[in-house]
């Protein structure tokens, strides 16, 4: 999902020499929460409803606006835009297309739409998320690593402890993945007890992540081991000739081939 799909457009603007009262009335009439501030066709700032509330109505827009507003390209992923807003603690971003302001996107808008892609049990994204990431990276011919993670003997865990405990374990493992994740990682719950990570980490960091995930762990007081199938853009011949679906299949089959022969529970 790209920013351009969710942005509000066209943008409404005001000049910096107008009064805050004028800007406030304009926002109320148009039922919008912000105005782009432009002088002679050049972007000079953004005025939000918060800026208006914090300023006297007789002041001019130049005194109340936020200068040098943060922007994102129209083809950015919405989750990257959300990360920028949360990191900078801002509510909206300008959207640009070849340095031209073409829209505005808000944090609430992104959150509402991303909630549709979230797995309700773990809070991780569903497969469509990493698929979009992987396909875009392939389109850009940017190499990445793919990890397909499968919990071993999860069916036996459900039989021994019950499905509610199994759900707790899935949630606990998802939380563990989140603690290991960096800004270079894109995670999803793929299906059942399977998880996928697409990462653009450097090689050494990627290998370190794989090593950590292949170590048995205790989650919800239950011993758990994982098999991890990996496909790396650094080593896979003809990497860019594959579709993302093909890469998922290769990593999944490798994960299956690495399954231990004996059950963890007997």
Protein backbone atom coordinates (compact mmCIF):
# COMPACT_ATOMS: atom_id res chain seq x y z
CA UNK A 1 0.00 0.00 0.00
CA UNK A 2 1.50 3.29 -1.14
CA UNK A 3 1.07 6.78 0.30
CA UNK A 4 -0.52 7.95 -2.94
CA UNK A 5 -3.44 5.56 -2.41
CA UNK A 6 -4.44 7.13 0.92
CA UNK A 7 -3.44 10.78 0.69
CA UNK A 8 -5.91 13.65 0.60
CA UNK A 9 -5.73 15.57 -2.66
CA UNK A 10 -5.76 18.25 -3.94
CA UNK A 11 -4.07 20.24 -1.19
CA UNK A 12 -5.52 23.52 -0.01
CA UNK A 13 -3.15 26.41 0.52
CA UNK A 14 -2.91 29.81 2.12
CA UNK A 15 -0.28 32.57 1.89
CA UNK A 16 1.88 33.38 4.90
CA UNK A 17 0.65 36.98 5.13
CA UNK A 18 -2.98 36.01 5.80
CA UNK A 19 -4.34 36.16 9.34
CA UNK A 20 -4.70 33.06 11.49
CA UNK A 21 -8.39 33.90 11.73
CA UNK A 22 -8.68 33.76 7.94
CA UNK A 23 -6.88 30.41 7.85
CA UNK A 24 -9.06 29.03 10.64
CA UNK A 25 -12.24 30.03 8.83
CA UNK A 26 -10.92 28.50 5.60
CA UNK A 27 -10.16 25.19 7.32
CA UNK A 28 -13.62 25.17 8.94
CA UNK A 29 -15.35 25.88 5.64
CA UNK A 30 -13.40 23.16 3.81
CA UNK A 31 -13.60 20.76 6.79
CA UNK A 32 -9.86 20.06 6.74
CA UNK A 33 -7.21 19.95 9.46
CA UNK A 34 -4.32 21.68 7.73
CA UNK A 35 -3.28 24.10 5.01
CA UNK A 36 -0.13 24.19 2.94
CA UNK A 37 1.48 27.61 3.17
CA UNK A 38 2.76 28.88 -0.17
CA UNK A 39 4.12 32.24 -1.23
CA UNK A 40 4.35 32.95 -4.96
CA UNK A 41 4.04 29.24 -5.71
CA UNK A 42 6.83 28.20 -3.31
CA UNK A 43 6.24 25.98 -0.27
CA UNK A 44 7.18 27.79 2.94
CA UNK A 45 5.36 25.79 5.64
CA UNK A 46 2.26 24.00 6.86
CA UNK A 47 -0.45 25.29 9.18
CA UNK A 48 -2.36 22.72 11.22
CA UNK A 49 -5.43 23.01 13.41
CA UNK A 50 -3.12 22.66 16.41
CA UNK A 51 -1.06 25.63 15.20
CA UNK A 52 -4.27 27.63 14.88
CA UNK A 53 -5.43 26.74 18.39
CA UNK A 54 -2.11 27.81 19.85
CA UNK A 55 -2.02 31.20 18.10
CA UNK A 56 -3.96 34.43 18.48
CA UNK A 57 -6.41 34.88 15.59
CA UNK A 58 -4.98 38.30 14.78
CA UNK A 59 -1.48 36.94 14.18
CA UNK A 60 -0.42 36.16 10.64
CA UNK A 61 0.06 32.66 9.30
CA UNK A 62 3.83 33.15 9.08
CA UNK A 63 3.97 33.42 12.88
CA UNK A 64 1.91 30.30 13.51
CA UNK A 65 2.93 27.87 10.78
CA UNK A 66 5.44 25.04 11.01
CA UNK A 67 8.38 25.81 8.77
CA UNK A 68 10.22 23.18 6.74
CA UNK A 69 7.41 20.60 6.93
CA UNK A 70 8.35 16.94 6.59
CA UNK A 71 7.35 15.25 3.34
CA UNK A 72 7.40 11.80 1.75
CA UNK A 73 7.37 10.76 -1.92
CA UNK A 74 4.02 9.69 -3.32
CA UNK A 75 5.29 6.13 -3.97
CA UNK A 76 6.47 5.55 -0.37
CA UNK A 77 5.01 2.66 1.61
CA UNK A 78 2.40 3.81 4.10
CA UNK A 79 4.06 1.88 6.95
CA UNK A 80 7.31 3.76 6.33
CA UNK A 81 5.38 7.05 6.40
CA UNK A 82 3.74 6.01 9.67
CA UNK A 83 7.14 5.19 11.15
CA UNK A 84 8.37 8.67 10.22
CA UNK A 85 5.38 10.32 11.87
CA UNK A 86 5.69 8.29 15.04
CA UNK A 87 9.43 8.90 15.27
CA UNK A 88 9.00 12.66 14.81
CA UNK A 89 5.72 12.79 16.80
CA UNK A 90 3.80 14.56 14.07
CA UNK A 91 0.25 14.00 12.85
CA UNK A 92 0.62 14.49 9.09
CA UNK A 93 3.07 14.53 6.22
CA UNK A 94 3.09 16.38 2.94
CA UNK A 95 3.19 14.09 -0.08
CA UNK A 96 5.39 15.07 -3.00
CA UNK A 97 5.68 14.00 -6.62
CA UNK A 98 8.90 15.20 -8.26
CA UNK A 99 9.25 17.90 -5.55
CA UNK A 100 5.68 19.10 -6.16
CA UNK A 101 3.25 18.91 -3.23
CA UNK A 102 0.39 16.70 -4.40
CA UNK A 103 -1.32 15.68 -1.17
CA UNK A 104 -1.36 15.28 2.60
CA UNK A 105 -1.53 12.06 4.60
CA UNK A 106 -2.40 11.76 8.29
CA UNK A 107 -1.32 9.29 10.93
CA UNK A 108 -4.93 8.35 11.75
CA UNK A 109 -5.71 7.59 8.11
CA UNK A 110 -2.76 5.21 7.87
CA UNK A 111 -3.54 3.50 11.16
CA UNK A 112 -7.15 2.84 10.16
CA UNK A 113 -6.16 1.25 6.86
CA UNK A 114 -3.22 -0.71 8.26
CA UNK A 115 -5.46 -2.25 10.93
CA UNK A 116 -7.11 -4.16 8.09
CA UNK A 117 -3.75 -5.85 7.36
CA UNK A 118 -3.00 -6.85 10.96
CA UNK A 119 -3.27 -10.31 12.40
CA UNK A 120 -5.64 -9.99 15.40
CA UNK A 121 -3.77 -12.49 17.59
CA UNK A 122 -0.21 -11.24 17.26
CA UNK A 123 -0.58 -7.67 16.01
CA UNK A 124 1.87 -8.49 13.22
CA UNK A 125 0.94 -7.79 9.65
CA UNK A 126 -0.62 -10.42 7.40
CA UNK A 127 1.18 -11.89 4.35
CA UNK A 128 0.03 -9.13 1.98
CA UNK A 129 2.36 -6.77 3.84
CA UNK A 130 5.63 -8.61 3.20
CA UNK A 131 4.43 -9.54 -0.27
CA UNK A 132 4.08 -5.86 -1.15
CA UNK A 133 7.52 -5.14 0.31
CA UNK A 134 9.18 -8.05 -1.46
CA UNK A 135 7.59 -7.32 -4.82
CA UNK A 136 8.60 -3.67 -4.63
CA UNK A 137 12.20 -4.55 -3.73
CA UNK A 138 12.33 -6.98 -6.64
CA UNK A 139 10.91 -4.32 -8.95
CA UNK A 140 13.63 -1.93 -7.82
CA UNK A 141 16.21 -4.73 -8.12
CA UNK A 142 17.24 -4.25 -4.52
CA UNK A 143 18.64 -7.39 -2.93
CA UNK A 144 17.17 -8.65 0.33
CA UNK A 145 17.10 -11.69 2.59
CA UNK A 146 13.98 -13.76 3.20
CA UNK A 147 13.44 -15.93 6.28
CA UNK A 148 10.65 -18.51 6.54
CA UNK A 149 10.24 -19.52 10.19
CA UNK A 150 8.24 -22.57 11.26
CA UNK A 151 7.72 -23.60 14.88
CA UNK A 152 8.52 -27.28 15.36
CA UNK A 153 5.87 -29.70 16.66
CA UNK A 154 3.31 -26.98 17.21
CA UNK A 155 0.51 -29.51 16.70
CA UNK A 156 1.91 -31.54 19.60
CA UNK A 157 1.98 -28.43 21.77
CA UNK A 158 -1.70 -27.83 21.06
CA UNK A 159 -2.52 -31.45 21.88
CA UNK A 160 -0.58 -31.43 25.13
CA UNK A 161 -1.45 -27.99 26.48
CA UNK A 162 -4.59 -26.98 24.58
CA UNK A 163 -5.23 -24.41 21.89
CA UNK A 164 -5.47 -21.38 24.23
CA UNK A 165 -1.92 -22.09 25.41
CA UNK A 166 -0.89 -22.57 21.80
CA UNK A 167 -2.31 -19.12 21.01
CA UNK A 168 -0.34 -17.68 23.92
CA UNK A 169 2.81 -19.28 22.55
CA UNK A 170 2.20 -17.84 19.06
CA UNK A 171 1.69 -14.40 20.61
CA UNK A 172 4.81 -14.80 22.76
CA UNK A 173 6.90 -15.80 19.76
CA UNK A 174 5.60 -12.83 17.77
CA UNK A 175 6.61 -10.56 20.65
CA UNK A 176 10.05 -12.16 20.60
CA UNK A 177 10.39 -11.41 16.89
CA UNK A 178 9.46 -7.78 17.52
CA UNK A 179 12.24 -7.45 20.11
CA UNK A 180 14.74 -8.76 17.55
CA UNK A 181 13.48 -6.57 14.70
CA UNK A 182 15.24 -3.46 13.44
CA UNK A 183 14.19 -0.77 10.99
CA UNK A 184 15.59 -3.01 8.24
CA UNK A 185 13.10 -5.82 8.93
CA UNK A 186 9.54 -6.43 7.69
CA UNK A 187 7.65 -9.11 9.63
CA UNK A 188 4.40 -10.98 9.19
CA UNK A 189 2.54 -13.97 10.57
CA UNK A 190 2.32 -16.00 7.40
CA UNK A 191 -0.06 -18.75 8.52
CA UNK A 192 -0.66 -20.71 11.72
CA UNK A 193 2.75 -21.21 13.32
CA UNK A 194 4.67 -19.82 10.34
CA UNK A 195 6.29 -16.40 10.14
CA UNK A 196 8.13 -14.55 7.38
CA UNK A 197 10.75 -11.83 7.61
CA UNK A 198 11.98 -9.78 4.68
CA UNK A 199 15.09 -7.88 5.67
CA UNK A 200 17.63 -5.59 4.08
CA UNK A 201 20.11 -5.98 6.93
CA UNK A 202 23.80 -6.21 6.15
CA UNK A 203 25.02 -9.77 5.68
CA UNK A 204 26.61 -10.13 9.12
CA UNK A 205 23.51 -8.88 10.91
CA UNK A 206 21.32 -11.17 8.81
CA UNK A 207 23.39 -14.22 9.75
CA UNK A 208 23.28 -13.20 13.40
CA UNK A 209 19.47 -13.04 13.25
CA UNK A 210 19.28 -16.50 11.67
CA UNK A 211 21.58 -17.94 14.36
CA UNK A 212 19.44 -16.47 17.14
CA UNK A 213 16.23 -17.83 15.65
CA UNK A 214 17.67 -21.32 15.24
CA UNK A 215 18.44 -21.54 18.96
CA UNK A 216 15.79 -23.35 21.10
CA UNK A 217 13.87 -20.98 23.34
CA UNK A 218 11.50 -21.02 26.29
CA UNK A 219 8.25 -19.23 25.49
CA UNK A 220 5.34 -19.22 27.94
CA UNK A 221 7.34 -21.79 29.99
CA UNK A 222 7.33 -24.19 27.03
CA UNK A 223 10.50 -25.30 25.19
CA UNK A 224 10.25 -24.31 21.54
CA UNK A 225 12.51 -24.84 18.56
CA UNK A 226 12.21 -23.39 15.08
CA UNK A 227 13.36 -24.27 11.61
CA UNK A 228 14.40 -21.34 9.47
CA UNK A 229 14.57 -21.54 5.70
CA UNK A 230 16.40 -18.65 4.08
CA UNK A 231 16.85 -17.26 0.60
CA UNK A 232 19.39 -14.49 0.17
CA UNK A 233 19.71 -12.06 -2.68
CA UNK A 234 23.44 -12.14 -2.07
CA UNK A 235 23.81 -15.81 -2.94
CA UNK A 236 20.76 -16.99 -4.88
CA UNK A 237 21.61 -17.35 -8.61
CA UNK A 238 19.19 -15.44 -10.78
CA UNK A 239 17.59 -13.84 -7.73
CA UNK A 240 15.72 -11.20 -9.73
CA UNK A 241 14.32 -13.77 -12.16
CA UNK A 242 12.13 -15.15 -9.36
CA UNK A 243 8.76 -13.81 -8.28
CA UNK A 244 8.25 -13.13 -4.60
CA UNK A 245 5.93 -16.15 -4.51
CA UNK A 246 8.79 -18.28 -5.88
CA UNK A 247 11.15 -17.04 -3.16
CA UNK A 248 8.59 -17.79 -0.44
CA UNK A 249 8.18 -21.30 -1.84
CA UNK A 250 11.95 -21.91 -1.89
CA UNK A 251 12.38 -20.73 1.71
CA UNK A 252 9.34 -22.71 2.86
CA UNK A 253 10.55 -25.95 1.25
CA UNK A 254 13.99 -25.45 2.75
CA UNK A 255 12.42 -24.94 6.18
CA UNK A 256 10.49 -28.21 5.77
CA UNK A 257 13.63 -30.09 4.74
CA UNK A 258 15.39 -28.88 7.90
CA UNK A 259 12.67 -30.22 10.23
CA UNK A 260 14.06 -32.54 12.93
CA UNK A 261 13.22 -36.23 12.51
CA UNK A 262 12.12 -36.76 16.08
CA UNK A 263 9.34 -34.93 17.87
CA UNK A 264 10.18 -32.43 20.57
CA UNK A 265 7.43 -34.06 22.66
CA UNK A 266 7.15 -37.82 23.10
